[in-house]
Amino acid sequence: MKPRPIFSRLLEQAHAGQEIVVAKAGKPYARLVLLEPTKGRRQPGRLAGRVEETFFEPLPEEELAAWEGQ
């Protein structure tokens, strides 16, 4: 039986939940991790009609200052 290439083994380990850190010259360079499954498809316009027009009005000066940390 032919041995599997190193990258294939690393991918299998990441798929099993292990975090793989790849280093270059002794410094961390990249990380292989298992991707989380998507939670479904995004649907544009799904919240249509749920945002009131007042949402788009400018903020009062005191509220704007609070958001800017002043």
N, C-alpha and C. Protein backbone atom coordinates (compact mmCIF):
# COMPACT_ATOMS: atom_id res chain seq x y z
N MET A 1 0.85 -1.18 0.00
CA MET A 1 0.00 0.00 0.00
C MET A 1 0.89 1.24 0.00
N LYS A 2 0.52 2.21 -0.81
CA LYS A 2 1.27 3.46 -0.96
C LYS A 2 0.97 4.39 0.22
N PRO A 3 2.01 5.00 0.85
CA PRO A 3 1.75 5.92 1.97
C PRO A 3 1.05 7.19 1.49
N ARG A 4 0.19 7.73 2.36
CA ARG A 4 -0.53 8.96 2.01
C ARG A 4 0.40 10.15 2.16
N PRO A 5 0.25 11.14 1.29
CA PRO A 5 1.07 12.36 1.42
C PRO A 5 0.78 13.05 2.76
N ILE A 6 1.76 13.80 3.23
CA ILE A 6 1.65 14.49 4.53
C ILE A 6 0.44 15.42 4.58
N PHE A 7 0.19 16.19 3.51
CA PHE A 7 -0.92 17.14 3.54
C PHE A 7 -2.24 16.41 3.73
N SER A 8 -2.41 15.27 3.10
CA SER A 8 -3.65 14.49 3.26
C SER A 8 -3.82 14.05 4.71
N ARG A 9 -2.72 13.64 5.34
CA ARG A 9 -2.80 13.23 6.75
C ARG A 9 -3.16 14.41 7.64
N LEU A 10 -2.56 15.58 7.36
CA LEU A 10 -2.88 16.77 8.15
C LEU A 10 -4.34 17.16 7.99
N LEU A 11 -4.86 17.08 6.77
CA LEU A 11 -6.27 17.40 6.54
C LEU A 11 -7.17 16.43 7.30
N GLU A 12 -6.82 15.16 7.32
CA GLU A 12 -7.62 14.18 8.07
C GLU A 12 -7.61 14.50 9.56
N GLN A 13 -6.46 14.91 10.08
CA GLN A 13 -6.38 15.26 11.50
C GLN A 13 -7.22 16.49 11.80
N ALA A 14 -7.17 17.49 10.91
CA ALA A 14 -7.99 18.69 11.10
C ALA A 14 -9.47 18.33 11.03
N HIS A 15 -9.83 17.45 10.12
CA HIS A 15 -11.23 17.03 9.99
C HIS A 15 -11.70 16.30 11.23
N ALA A 16 -10.77 15.64 11.93
CA ALA A 16 -11.11 14.93 13.16
C ALA A 16 -11.22 15.88 14.35
N GLY A 17 -10.95 17.18 14.12
CA GLY A 17 -11.11 18.16 15.20
C GLY A 17 -9.81 18.68 15.77
N GLN A 18 -8.69 18.19 15.30
CA GLN A 18 -7.41 18.65 15.81
C GLN A 18 -7.00 19.94 15.11
N GLU A 19 -6.44 20.88 15.85
CA GLU A 19 -5.94 22.12 15.27
C GLU A 19 -4.48 21.90 14.88
N ILE A 20 -4.15 22.17 13.62
CA ILE A 20 -2.80 21.99 13.12
C ILE A 20 -2.20 23.37 12.87
N VAL A 21 -1.06 23.66 13.49
CA VAL A 21 -0.36 24.93 13.27
C VAL A 21 0.86 24.64 12.40
N VAL A 22 0.95 25.33 11.27
CA VAL A 22 2.07 25.18 10.35
C VAL A 22 3.03 26.32 10.63
N ALA A 23 4.32 25.99 10.81
CA ALA A 23 5.32 27.00 11.12
C ALA A 23 6.31 27.15 9.98
N LYS A 24 6.85 28.34 9.87
CA LYS A 24 7.90 28.62 8.89
C LYS A 24 9.02 29.32 9.64
N ALA A 25 10.21 28.77 9.55
CA ALA A 25 11.37 29.30 10.28
C ALA A 25 11.09 29.40 11.77
N GLY A 26 10.34 28.44 12.29
CA GLY A 26 10.06 28.39 13.72
C GLY A 26 8.97 29.32 14.20
N LYS A 27 8.32 30.04 13.27
CA LYS A 27 7.25 30.95 13.66
C LYS A 27 5.92 30.47 13.07
N PRO A 28 4.84 30.55 13.87
CA PRO A 28 3.52 30.14 13.35
C PRO A 28 3.20 30.89 12.07
N TYR A 29 2.75 30.16 11.06
CA TYR A 29 2.52 30.74 9.74
C TYR A 29 1.08 30.57 9.26
N ALA A 30 0.47 29.43 9.60
CA ALA A 30 -0.90 29.15 9.18
C ALA A 30 -1.51 28.14 10.14
N ARG A 31 -2.84 28.05 10.12
CA ARG A 31 -3.55 27.13 11.00
C ARG A 31 -4.57 26.35 10.16
N LEU A 32 -4.58 25.03 10.32
CA LEU A 32 -5.59 24.19 9.69
C LEU A 32 -6.59 23.78 10.77
N VAL A 33 -7.86 24.09 10.56
CA VAL A 33 -8.89 23.73 11.52
C VAL A 33 -10.12 23.23 10.75
N LEU A 34 -10.95 22.51 11.42
CA LEU A 34 -12.19 22.04 10.84
C LEU A 34 -13.13 23.21 10.62
N LEU A 35 -13.70 23.31 9.43
CA LEU A 35 -14.68 24.36 9.16
C LEU A 35 -16.02 23.97 9.76
N GLU A 36 -16.69 24.94 10.35
CA GLU A 36 -18.02 24.70 10.88
C GLU A 36 -18.99 24.56 9.72
N PRO A 37 -19.94 23.66 9.81
CA PRO A 37 -20.93 23.55 8.73
C PRO A 37 -21.75 24.84 8.63
N THR A 38 -22.13 25.17 7.41
CA THR A 38 -22.93 26.38 7.23
C THR A 38 -24.29 26.18 7.87
N LYS A 39 -24.87 27.27 8.32
CA LYS A 39 -26.14 27.20 9.04
C LYS A 39 -27.32 27.42 8.10
N GLY A 40 -27.11 27.22 6.83
CA GLY A 40 -28.19 27.42 5.88
C GLY A 40 -27.85 28.54 4.92
N ARG A 41 -28.60 28.64 3.91
CA ARG A 41 -28.36 29.67 2.90
C ARG A 41 -28.93 31.01 3.35
N ARG A 42 -28.19 32.05 3.03
CA ARG A 42 -28.68 33.40 3.32
C ARG A 42 -29.73 33.76 2.28
N GLN A 43 -30.74 34.44 2.71
CA GLN A 43 -31.82 34.83 1.81
C GLN A 43 -31.96 36.35 1.82
N PRO A 44 -31.54 37.00 0.72
CA PRO A 44 -31.71 38.45 0.67
C PRO A 44 -33.18 38.84 0.80
N GLY A 45 -33.43 39.91 1.54
CA GLY A 45 -34.80 40.40 1.68
C GLY A 45 -35.62 39.65 2.71
N ARG A 46 -35.01 38.76 3.45
CA ARG A 46 -35.74 37.96 4.43
C ARG A 46 -36.36 38.81 5.52
N LEU A 47 -35.75 39.95 5.82
CA LEU A 47 -36.27 40.83 6.88
C LEU A 47 -36.98 42.05 6.31
N ALA A 48 -37.37 41.98 5.07
CA ALA A 48 -38.04 43.11 4.44
C ALA A 48 -39.27 43.51 5.23
N GLY A 49 -39.43 44.82 5.45
CA GLY A 49 -40.59 45.32 6.17
C GLY A 49 -40.46 45.28 7.67
N ARG A 50 -39.34 44.82 8.19
CA ARG A 50 -39.17 44.71 9.64
C ARG A 50 -38.34 45.85 10.22
N VAL A 51 -37.81 46.71 9.37
CA VAL A 51 -37.03 47.85 9.83
C VAL A 51 -37.86 49.10 9.55
N GLU A 52 -38.11 49.87 10.60
CA GLU A 52 -38.91 51.09 10.44
C GLU A 52 -38.10 52.18 9.77
N GLU A 53 -38.77 53.10 9.15
CA GLU A 53 -38.10 54.22 8.46
C GLU A 53 -37.25 55.05 9.42
N THR A 54 -37.63 55.12 10.68
CA THR A 54 -36.86 55.91 11.65
C THR A 54 -35.44 55.37 11.81
N PHE A 55 -35.24 54.12 11.48
CA PHE A 55 -33.90 53.52 11.57
C PHE A 55 -32.90 54.28 10.71
N PHE A 56 -33.35 54.82 9.60
CA PHE A 56 -32.47 55.48 8.65
C PHE A 56 -32.30 56.98 8.91
N GLU A 57 -32.95 57.51 9.92
CA GLU A 57 -32.82 58.93 10.26
C GLU A 57 -31.50 59.16 10.99
N PRO A 58 -30.92 60.35 10.86
CA PRO A 58 -29.66 60.65 11.56
C PRO A 58 -29.85 60.54 13.08
N LEU A 59 -28.79 60.14 13.76
CA LEU A 59 -28.84 60.03 15.22
C LEU A 59 -28.78 61.41 15.85
N PRO A 60 -29.42 61.59 17.01
CA PRO A 60 -29.26 62.85 17.74
C PRO A 60 -27.79 63.02 18.15
N GLU A 61 -27.33 64.24 18.29
CA GLU A 61 -25.93 64.53 18.58
C GLU A 61 -25.42 63.80 19.83
N GLU A 62 -26.22 63.77 20.90
CA GLU A 62 -25.74 63.11 22.15
C GLU A 62 -25.58 61.60 21.97
N GLU A 63 -26.46 60.99 21.20
CA GLU A 63 -26.34 59.55 20.96
C GLU A 63 -25.15 59.26 20.05
N LEU A 64 -24.95 60.09 19.04
CA LEU A 64 -23.82 59.94 18.13
C LEU A 64 -22.52 60.08 18.91
N ALA A 65 -22.45 61.05 19.84
CA ALA A 65 -21.26 61.24 20.66
C ALA A 65 -21.00 60.02 21.53
N ALA A 66 -22.07 59.41 22.06
CA ALA A 66 -21.90 58.20 22.89
C ALA A 66 -21.32 57.05 22.08
N TRP A 67 -21.78 56.88 20.84
CA TRP A 67 -21.26 55.82 19.97
C TRP A 67 -19.80 56.07 19.62
N GLU A 68 -19.41 57.33 19.57
CA GLU A 68 -18.02 57.68 19.23
C GLU A 68 -17.14 57.74 20.46
N GLY A 69 -17.68 57.42 21.62
CA GLY A 69 -16.90 57.37 22.85
C GLY A 69 -16.56 58.73 23.42
N GLN A 70 -17.43 59.71 23.17
CA GLN A 70 -17.15 61.07 23.65
C GLN A 70 -18.05 61.41 24.81
